Amino acid sequence: SLPDDSASTTNKNLVFFSYSHADEEASCGAIS
């Protein structure tokens, strides 16, 4: 619940995406 400018500088990650880069390319960037 920090302000946006503070939250953007944190190194802590809430979510980790694990995916095949082949899927990202074949789906035209659907994962992004």
PDB file of all heavy atoms in Angstrom:
ATOM      1  N   SER A   1       0.804  -1.206   0.000  1.00  0.00           N
ATOM      2  CA  SER A   1       0.000   0.000   0.000  1.00  0.00           C
ATOM      3  C   SER A   1       0.846   1.268   0.000  1.00  0.00           C
ATOM      4  O   SER A   1       0.416   2.312   0.451  1.00  0.00           O
ATOM      5  CB  SER A   1      -0.940  -0.005   1.218  1.00  0.00           C
ATOM      6  OG  SER A   1      -1.896  -1.004   1.073  1.00  0.00           O
ATOM      7  N   LEU A   2       2.086   1.184  -0.475  1.00  0.00           N
ATOM      8  CA  LEU A   2       2.896   2.374  -0.605  1.00  0.00           C
ATOM      9  C   LEU A   2       2.437   3.209  -1.792  1.00  0.00           C
ATOM     10  O   LEU A   2       1.791   2.713  -2.703  1.00  0.00           O
ATOM     11  CB  LEU A   2       4.364   1.981  -0.818  1.00  0.00           C
ATOM     12  CG  LEU A   2       5.087   1.356   0.379  1.00  0.00           C
ATOM     13  CD1 LEU A   2       6.488   0.937  -0.060  1.00  0.00           C
ATOM     14  CD2 LEU A   2       5.178   2.302   1.544  1.00  0.00           C
ATOM     15  N   PRO A   3       2.750   4.474  -1.815  1.00  0.00           N
ATOM     16  CA  PRO A   3       2.443   5.280  -2.994  1.00  0.00           C
ATOM     17  C   PRO A   3       3.126   4.697  -4.222  1.00  0.00           C
ATOM     18  O   PRO A   3       4.138   4.007  -4.126  1.00  0.00           O
ATOM     19  CB  PRO A   3       3.028   6.673  -2.634  1.00  0.00           C
ATOM     20  CG  PRO A   3       3.105   6.691  -1.140  1.00  0.00           C
ATOM     21  CD  PRO A   3       3.368   5.274  -0.735  1.00  0.00           C
ATOM     22  N   ASP A   4       2.610   5.050  -5.392  1.00  0.00           N
ATOM     23  CA  ASP A   4       3.093   4.454  -6.629  1.00  0.00           C
ATOM     24  C   ASP A   4       4.587   4.645  -6.825  1.00  0.00           C
ATOM     25  O   ASP A   4       5.288   3.761  -7.276  1.00  0.00           O
ATOM     26  CB  ASP A   4       2.342   5.045  -7.833  1.00  0.00           C
ATOM     27  CG  ASP A   4       0.906   4.557  -7.872  1.00  0.00           C
ATOM     28  OD1 ASP A   4       0.579   3.665  -7.076  1.00  0.00           O
ATOM     29  OD2 ASP A   4       0.139   5.089  -8.676  1.00  0.00           O
ATOM     30  N   ASP A   5       5.122   5.853  -6.485  1.00  0.00           N
ATOM     31  CA  ASP A   5       6.529   6.089  -6.761  1.00  0.00           C
ATOM     32  C   ASP A   5       7.418   5.241  -5.876  1.00  0.00           C
ATOM     33  O   ASP A   5       8.519   4.856  -6.266  1.00  0.00           O
ATOM     34  CB  ASP A   5       6.874   7.574  -6.595  1.00  0.00           C
ATOM     35  CG  ASP A   5       6.484   8.082  -5.211  1.00  0.00           C
ATOM     36  OD1 ASP A   5       5.733   7.380  -4.507  1.00  0.00           O
ATOM     37  OD2 ASP A   5       6.947   9.184  -4.846  1.00  0.00           O
ATOM     38  N   SER A   6       6.960   4.919  -4.655  1.00  0.00           N
ATOM     39  CA  SER A   6       7.746   4.069  -3.775  1.00  0.00           C
ATOM     40  C   SER A   6       7.636   2.626  -4.181  1.00  0.00           C
ATOM     41  O   SER A   6       8.600   1.885  -4.166  1.00  0.00           O
ATOM     42  CB  SER A   6       7.271   4.229  -2.318  1.00  0.00           C
ATOM     43  OG  SER A   6       7.438   5.552  -1.897  1.00  0.00           O
ATOM     44  N   ALA A   7       6.426   2.205  -4.551  1.00  0.00           N
ATOM     45  CA  ALA A   7       6.219   0.798  -4.913  1.00  0.00           C
ATOM     46  C   ALA A   7       7.022   0.427  -6.134  1.00  0.00           C
ATOM     47  O   ALA A   7       7.494  -0.688  -6.268  1.00  0.00           O
ATOM     48  CB  ALA A   7       4.731   0.536  -5.159  1.00  0.00           C
ATOM     49  N   SER A   8       7.200   1.375  -7.046  1.00  0.00           N
ATOM     50  CA  SER A   8       7.885   1.046  -8.288  1.00  0.00           C
ATOM     51  C   SER A   8       9.376   0.829  -8.097  1.00  0.00           C
ATOM     52  O   SER A   8      10.026   0.279  -8.958  1.00  0.00           O
ATOM     53  CB  SER A   8       7.664   2.173  -9.310  1.00  0.00           C
ATOM     54  OG  SER A   8       8.221   3.367  -8.825  1.00  0.00           O
ATOM     55  N   THR A   9       9.927   1.284  -6.957  1.00  0.00           N
ATOM     56  CA  THR A   9      11.357   1.135  -6.749  1.00  0.00           C
ATOM     57  C   THR A   9      11.706  -0.085  -5.934  1.00  0.00           C
ATOM     58  O   THR A   9      12.872  -0.389  -5.750  1.00  0.00           O
ATOM     59  CB  THR A   9      11.903   2.382  -6.024  1.00  0.00           C
ATOM     60  OG1 THR A   9      11.258   2.472  -4.738  1.00  0.00           O
ATOM     61  CG2 THR A   9      11.635   3.644  -6.815  1.00  0.00           C
ATOM     62  N   THR A  10      10.724  -0.808  -5.424  1.00  0.00           N
ATOM     63  CA  THR A  10      11.034  -1.970  -4.593  1.00  0.00           C
ATOM     64  C   THR A  10      11.559  -3.120  -5.429  1.00  0.00           C
ATOM     65  O   THR A  10      11.225  -3.264  -6.594  1.00  0.00           O
ATOM     66  CB  THR A  10       9.786  -2.432  -3.824  1.00  0.00           C
ATOM     67  OG1 THR A  10      10.153  -3.566  -3.020  1.00  0.00           O
ATOM     68  CG2 THR A  10       8.674  -2.863  -4.752  1.00  0.00           C
ATOM     69  N   ASN A  11      12.414  -3.965  -4.813  1.00  0.00           N
ATOM     70  CA  ASN A  11      12.943  -5.128  -5.496  1.00  0.00           C
ATOM     71  C   ASN A  11      12.147  -6.375  -5.174  1.00  0.00           C
ATOM     72  O   ASN A  11      12.495  -7.464  -5.613  1.00  0.00           O
ATOM     73  CB  ASN A  11      14.419  -5.338  -5.095  1.00  0.00           C
ATOM     74  CG  ASN A  11      15.301  -4.231  -5.639  1.00  0.00           C
ATOM     75  OD1 ASN A  11      15.073  -3.767  -6.739  1.00  0.00           O
ATOM     76  ND2 ASN A  11      16.279  -3.810  -4.853  1.00  0.00           N
ATOM     77  N   LYS A  12      11.121  -6.235  -4.375  1.00  0.00           N
ATOM     78  CA  LYS A  12      10.346  -7.400  -3.964  1.00  0.00           C
ATOM     79  C   LYS A  12       9.285  -7.704  -5.022  1.00  0.00           C
ATOM     80  O   LYS A  12       8.613  -6.810  -5.509  1.00  0.00           O
ATOM     81  CB  LYS A  12       9.665  -7.113  -2.625  1.00  0.00           C
ATOM     82  CG  LYS A  12       9.017  -8.325  -2.006  1.00  0.00           C
ATOM     83  CD  LYS A  12       8.501  -7.998  -0.626  1.00  0.00           C
ATOM     84  CE  LYS A  12       9.634  -7.740   0.317  1.00  0.00           C
ATOM     85  NZ  LYS A  12       9.189  -7.459   1.682  1.00  0.00           N
ATOM     86  N   ASN A  13       9.143  -8.979  -5.415  1.00  0.00           N
ATOM     87  CA  ASN A  13       8.191  -9.365  -6.444  1.00  0.00           C
ATOM     88  C   ASN A  13       7.013 -10.078  -5.822  1.00  0.00           C
ATOM     89  O   ASN A  13       7.184 -10.967  -4.988  1.00  0.00           O
ATOM     90  CB  ASN A  13       8.859 -10.292  -7.463  1.00  0.00           C
ATOM     91  CG  ASN A  13       9.931  -9.556  -8.256  1.00  0.00           C
ATOM     92  OD1 ASN A  13       9.625  -8.835  -9.186  1.00  0.00           O
ATOM     93  ND2 ASN A  13      11.179  -9.709  -7.873  1.00  0.00           N
ATOM     94  N   LEU A  14       5.826  -9.714  -6.218  1.00  0.00           N
ATOM     95  CA  LEU A  14       4.637 -10.382  -5.715  1.00  0.00           C
ATOM     96  C   LEU A  14       4.303 -11.597  -6.563  1.00  0.00           C
ATOM     97  O   LEU A  14       3.854 -12.613  -6.064  1.00  0.00           O
ATOM     98  CB  LEU A  14       3.451  -9.416  -5.713  1.00  0.00           C
ATOM     99  CG  LEU A  14       2.119  -9.998  -5.232  1.00  0.00           C
ATOM    100  CD1 LEU A  14       2.228 -10.445  -3.789  1.00  0.00           C
ATOM    101  CD2 LEU A  14       1.008  -8.983  -5.391  1.00  0.00           C
ATOM    102  N   VAL A  15       4.558 -11.509  -7.880  1.00  0.00           N
ATOM    103  CA  VAL A  15       4.199 -12.590  -8.795  1.00  0.00           C
ATOM    104  C   VAL A  15       5.403 -12.924  -9.684  1.00  0.00           C
ATOM    105  O   VAL A  15       6.095 -12.026 -10.161  1.00  0.00           O
ATOM    106  CB  VAL A  15       3.000 -12.200  -9.678  1.00  0.00           C
ATOM    107  CG1 VAL A  15       2.654 -13.332 -10.639  1.00  0.00           C
ATOM    108  CG2 VAL A  15       1.793 -11.856  -8.828  1.00  0.00           C
ATOM    109  N   PHE A  16       5.624 -14.215  -9.896  1.00  0.00           N
ATOM    110  CA  PHE A  16       6.701 -14.675 -10.770  1.00  0.00           C
ATOM    111  C   PHE A  16       6.067 -15.412 -11.945  1.00  0.00           C
ATOM    112  O   PHE A  16       5.387 -16.407 -11.761  1.00  0.00           O
ATOM    113  CB  PHE A  16       7.629 -15.616  -9.980  1.00  0.00           C
ATOM    114  CG  PHE A  16       8.825 -16.101 -10.751  1.00  0.00           C
ATOM    115  CD1 PHE A  16      10.083 -15.587 -10.502  1.00  0.00           C
ATOM    116  CD2 PHE A  16       8.700 -17.090 -11.719  1.00  0.00           C
ATOM    117  CE1 PHE A  16      11.191 -16.047 -11.210  1.00  0.00           C
ATOM    118  CE2 PHE A  16       9.796 -17.551 -12.423  1.00  0.00           C
ATOM    119  CZ  PHE A  16      11.046 -17.023 -12.173  1.00  0.00           C
ATOM    120  N   PHE A  17       6.272 -14.900 -13.173  1.00  0.00           N
ATOM    121  CA  PHE A  17       5.782 -15.563 -14.383  1.00  0.00           C
ATOM    122  C   PHE A  17       6.839 -16.550 -14.881  1.00  0.00           C
ATOM    123  O   PHE A  17       7.996 -16.188 -15.076  1.00  0.00           O
ATOM    124  CB  PHE A  17       5.519 -14.542 -15.486  1.00  0.00           C
ATOM    125  CG  PHE A  17       4.153 -13.914 -15.447  1.00  0.00           C
ATOM    126  CD1 PHE A  17       3.359 -13.998 -14.322  1.00  0.00           C
ATOM    127  CD2 PHE A  17       3.658 -13.236 -16.549  1.00  0.00           C
ATOM    128  CE1 PHE A  17       2.108 -13.412 -14.291  1.00  0.00           C
ATOM    129  CE2 PHE A  17       2.407 -12.643 -16.534  1.00  0.00           C
ATOM    130  CZ  PHE A  17       1.632 -12.734 -15.393  1.00  0.00           C
ATOM    131  N   SER A  18       6.436 -17.800 -15.103  1.00  0.00           N
ATOM    132  CA  SER A  18       7.320 -18.794 -15.703  1.00  0.00           C
ATOM    133  C   SER A  18       6.641 -19.302 -16.971  1.00  0.00           C
ATOM    134  O   SER A  18       5.526 -19.824 -16.913  1.00  0.00           O
ATOM    135  CB  SER A  18       7.555 -19.954 -14.719  1.00  0.00           C
ATOM    136  OG  SER A  18       8.348 -20.958 -15.314  1.00  0.00           O
ATOM    137  N   TYR A  19       7.299 -19.159 -18.113  1.00  0.00           N
ATOM    138  CA  TYR A  19       6.650 -19.482 -19.378  1.00  0.00           C
ATOM    139  C   TYR A  19       7.692 -19.828 -20.431  1.00  0.00           C
ATOM    140  O   TYR A  19       8.887 -19.534 -20.283  1.00  0.00           O
ATOM    141  CB  TYR A  19       5.814 -18.290 -19.861  1.00  0.00           C
ATOM    142  CG  TYR A  19       6.639 -17.062 -20.165  1.00  0.00           C
ATOM    143  CD1 TYR A  19       7.036 -16.780 -21.471  1.00  0.00           C
ATOM    144  CD2 TYR A  19       7.036 -16.193 -19.145  1.00  0.00           C
ATOM    145  CE1 TYR A  19       7.809 -15.662 -21.754  1.00  0.00           C
ATOM    146  CE2 TYR A  19       7.804 -15.077 -19.413  1.00  0.00           C
ATOM    147  CZ  TYR A  19       8.189 -14.816 -20.715  1.00  0.00           C
ATOM    148  OH  TYR A  19       8.963 -13.712 -20.992  1.00  0.00           O
ATOM    149  N   SER A  20       7.236 -20.460 -21.486  1.00  0.00           N
ATOM    150  CA  SER A  20       8.100 -20.751 -22.625  1.00  0.00           C
ATOM    151  C   SER A  20       8.105 -19.541 -23.564  1.00  0.00           C
ATOM    152  O   SER A  20       7.040 -19.045 -23.952  1.00  0.00           O
ATOM    153  CB  SER A  20       7.580 -21.989 -23.372  1.00  0.00           C
ATOM    154  OG  SER A  20       8.179 -22.096 -24.640  1.00  0.00           O
ATOM    155  N   HIS A  21       9.287 -19.074 -23.901  1.00  0.00           N
ATOM    156  CA  HIS A  21       9.373 -17.923 -24.808  1.00  0.00           C
ATOM    157  C   HIS A  21       8.795 -18.254 -26.182  1.00  0.00           C
ATOM    158  O   HIS A  21       8.327 -17.351 -26.890  1.00  0.00           O
ATOM    159  CB  HIS A  21      10.824 -17.455 -24.917  1.00  0.00           C
ATOM    160  CG  HIS A  21      11.317 -16.756 -23.693  1.00  0.00           C
ATOM    161  ND1 HIS A  21      11.293 -15.397 -23.541  1.00  0.00           N
ATOM    162  CD2 HIS A  21      11.815 -17.255 -22.528  1.00  0.00           C
ATOM    163  CE1 HIS A  21      11.770 -15.070 -22.358  1.00  0.00           C
ATOM    164  NE2 HIS A  21      12.092 -16.179 -21.713  1.00  0.00           N
ATOM    165  N   ALA A  22       8.812 -19.531 -26.536  1.00  0.00           N
ATOM    166  CA  ALA A  22       8.207 -19.936 -27.805  1.00  0.00           C
ATOM    167  C   ALA A  22       6.699 -19.655 -27.786  1.00  0.00           C
ATOM    168  O   ALA A  22       6.115 -19.269 -28.811  1.00  0.00           O
ATOM    169  CB  ALA A  22       8.464 -21.418 -28.064  1.00  0.00           C
ATOM    170  N   ASP A  23       6.060 -19.844 -26.630  1.00  0.00           N
ATOM    171  CA  ASP A  23       4.622 -19.566 -26.513  1.00  0.00           C
ATOM    172  C   ASP A  23       4.344 -18.075 -26.634  1.00  0.00           C
ATOM    173  O   ASP A  23       3.357 -17.664 -27.264  1.00  0.00           O
ATOM    174  CB  ASP A  23       4.096 -20.069 -25.163  1.00  0.00           C
ATOM    175  CG  ASP A  23       4.021 -21.573 -25.083  1.00  0.00           C
ATOM    176  OD1 ASP A  23       3.943 -22.219 -26.151  1.00  0.00           O
ATOM    177  OD2 ASP A  23       4.039 -22.117 -23.959  1.00  0.00           O
ATOM    178  N   GLU A  24       5.200 -17.253 -26.044  1.00  0.00           N
ATOM    179  CA  GLU A  24       5.019 -15.804 -26.126  1.00  0.00           C
ATOM    180  C   GLU A  24       5.100 -15.339 -27.581  1.00  0.00           C
ATOM    181  O   GLU A  24       4.299 -14.512 -28.030  1.00  0.00           O
ATOM    182  CB  GLU A  24       6.081 -15.111 -25.262  1.00  0.00           C
ATOM    183  CG  GLU A  24       6.208 -13.608 -25.465  1.00  0.00           C
ATOM    184  CD  GLU A  24       5.079 -12.801 -24.849  1.00  0.00           C
ATOM    185  OE1 GLU A  24       4.073 -13.399 -24.420  1.00  0.00           O
ATOM    186  OE2 GLU A  24       5.188 -11.561 -24.822  1.00  0.00           O
ATOM    187  N   GLU A  25       6.027 -15.904 -28.333  1.00  0.00           N
ATOM    188  CA  GLU A  25       6.180 -15.507 -29.740  1.00  0.00           C
ATOM    189  C   GLU A  25       5.044 -16.066 -30.597  1.00  0.00           C
ATOM    190  O   GLU A  25       4.463 -15.345 -31.418  1.00  0.00           O
ATOM    191  CB  GLU A  25       7.526 -16.007 -30.263  1.00  0.00           C
ATOM    192  CG  GLU A  25       8.724 -15.346 -29.591  1.00  0.00           C
ATOM    193  CD  GLU A  25      10.038 -15.970 -30.000  1.00  0.00           C
ATOM    194  OE1 GLU A  25      10.007 -16.857 -30.885  1.00  0.00           O
ATOM    195  OE2 GLU A  25      11.090 -15.596 -29.447  1.00  0.00           O
ATOM    196  N   ALA A  26       4.708 -17.349 -30.395  1.00  0.00           N
ATOM    197  CA  ALA A  26       3.673 -17.978 -31.221  1.00  0.00           C
ATOM    198  C   ALA A  26       2.300 -17.377 -30.982  1.00  0.00           C
ATOM    199  O   ALA A  26       1.447 -17.372 -31.877  1.00  0.00           O
ATOM    200  CB  ALA A  26       3.636 -19.482 -30.951  1.00  0.00           C
ATOM    201  N   SER A  27       2.065 -16.857 -29.775  1.00  0.00           N
ATOM    202  CA  SER A  27       0.744 -16.289 -29.442  1.00  0.00           C
ATOM    203  C   SER A  27       0.695 -14.788 -29.677  1.00  0.00           C
ATOM    204  O   SER A  27      -0.249 -14.124 -29.236  1.00  0.00           O
ATOM    205  CB  SER A  27       0.401 -16.593 -27.983  1.00  0.00           C
ATOM    206  OG  SER A  27       1.331 -15.952 -27.118  1.00  0.00           O
ATOM    207  N   CYS A  28       1.724 -14.265 -30.349  1.00  0.00           N
ATOM    208  CA  CYS A  28       1.775 -12.827 -30.666  1.00  0.00           C
ATOM    209  C   CYS A  28       1.742 -11.966 -29.397  1.00  0.00           C
ATOM    210  O   CYS A  28       1.016 -10.961 -29.324  1.00  0.00           O
ATOM    211  CB  CYS A  28       0.636 -12.426 -31.601  1.00  0.00           C
ATOM    212  SG  CYS A  28       0.637 -13.323 -33.165  1.00  0.00           S
ATOM    213  N   GLY A  29       2.491 -12.389 -28.390  1.00  0.00           N
ATOM    214  CA  GLY A  29       2.609 -11.586 -27.175  1.00  0.00           C
ATOM    215  C   GLY A  29       1.451 -11.729 -26.202  1.00  0.00           C
ATOM    216  O   GLY A  29       1.215 -10.828 -25.388  1.00  0.00           O
ATOM    217  N   ALA A  30       0.735 -12.864 -26.253  1.00  0.00           N
ATOM    218  CA  ALA A  30      -0.444 -13.030 -25.387  1.00  0.00           C
ATOM    219  C   ALA A  30      -0.079 -13.010 -23.902  1.00  0.00           C
ATOM    220  O   ALA A  30      -0.861 -12.540 -23.067  1.00  0.00           O
ATOM    221  CB  ALA A  30      -1.163 -14.340 -25.717  1.00  0.00           C
ATOM    222  N   ILE A  31       1.120 -13.512 -23.561  1.00  0.00           N
ATOM    223  CA  ILE A  31       1.514 -13.546 -22.146  1.00  0.00           C
ATOM    224  C   ILE A  31       1.820 -12.126 -21.657  1.00  0.00           C
ATOM    225  O   ILE A  31       1.451 -11.753 -20.538  1.00  0.00           O
ATOM    226  CB  ILE A  31       2.722 -14.486 -21.945  1.00  0.00           C
ATOM    227  CG1 ILE A  31       2.321 -15.914 -22.328  1.00  0.00           C
ATOM    228  CG2 ILE A  31       3.213 -14.448 -20.500  1.00  0.00           C
ATOM    229  CD1 ILE A  31       3.460 -16.922 -22.299  1.00  0.00           C
ATOM    230  N   SER A  32       2.463 -11.332 -22.477  1.00  0.00           N
ATOM    231  CA  SER A  32       2.714  -9.928 -22.120  1.00  0.00           C
ATOM    232  C   SER A  32       1.400  -9.175 -21.940  1.00  0.00           C
ATOM    233  O   SER A  32       1.248  -8.369 -21.011  1.00  0.00           O
ATOM    234  CB  SER A  32       3.553  -9.241 -23.189  1.00  0.00           C
ATOM    235  OG  SER A  32       4.824  -9.829 -23.304  1.00  0.00           O
TER     236      SER A  32
END
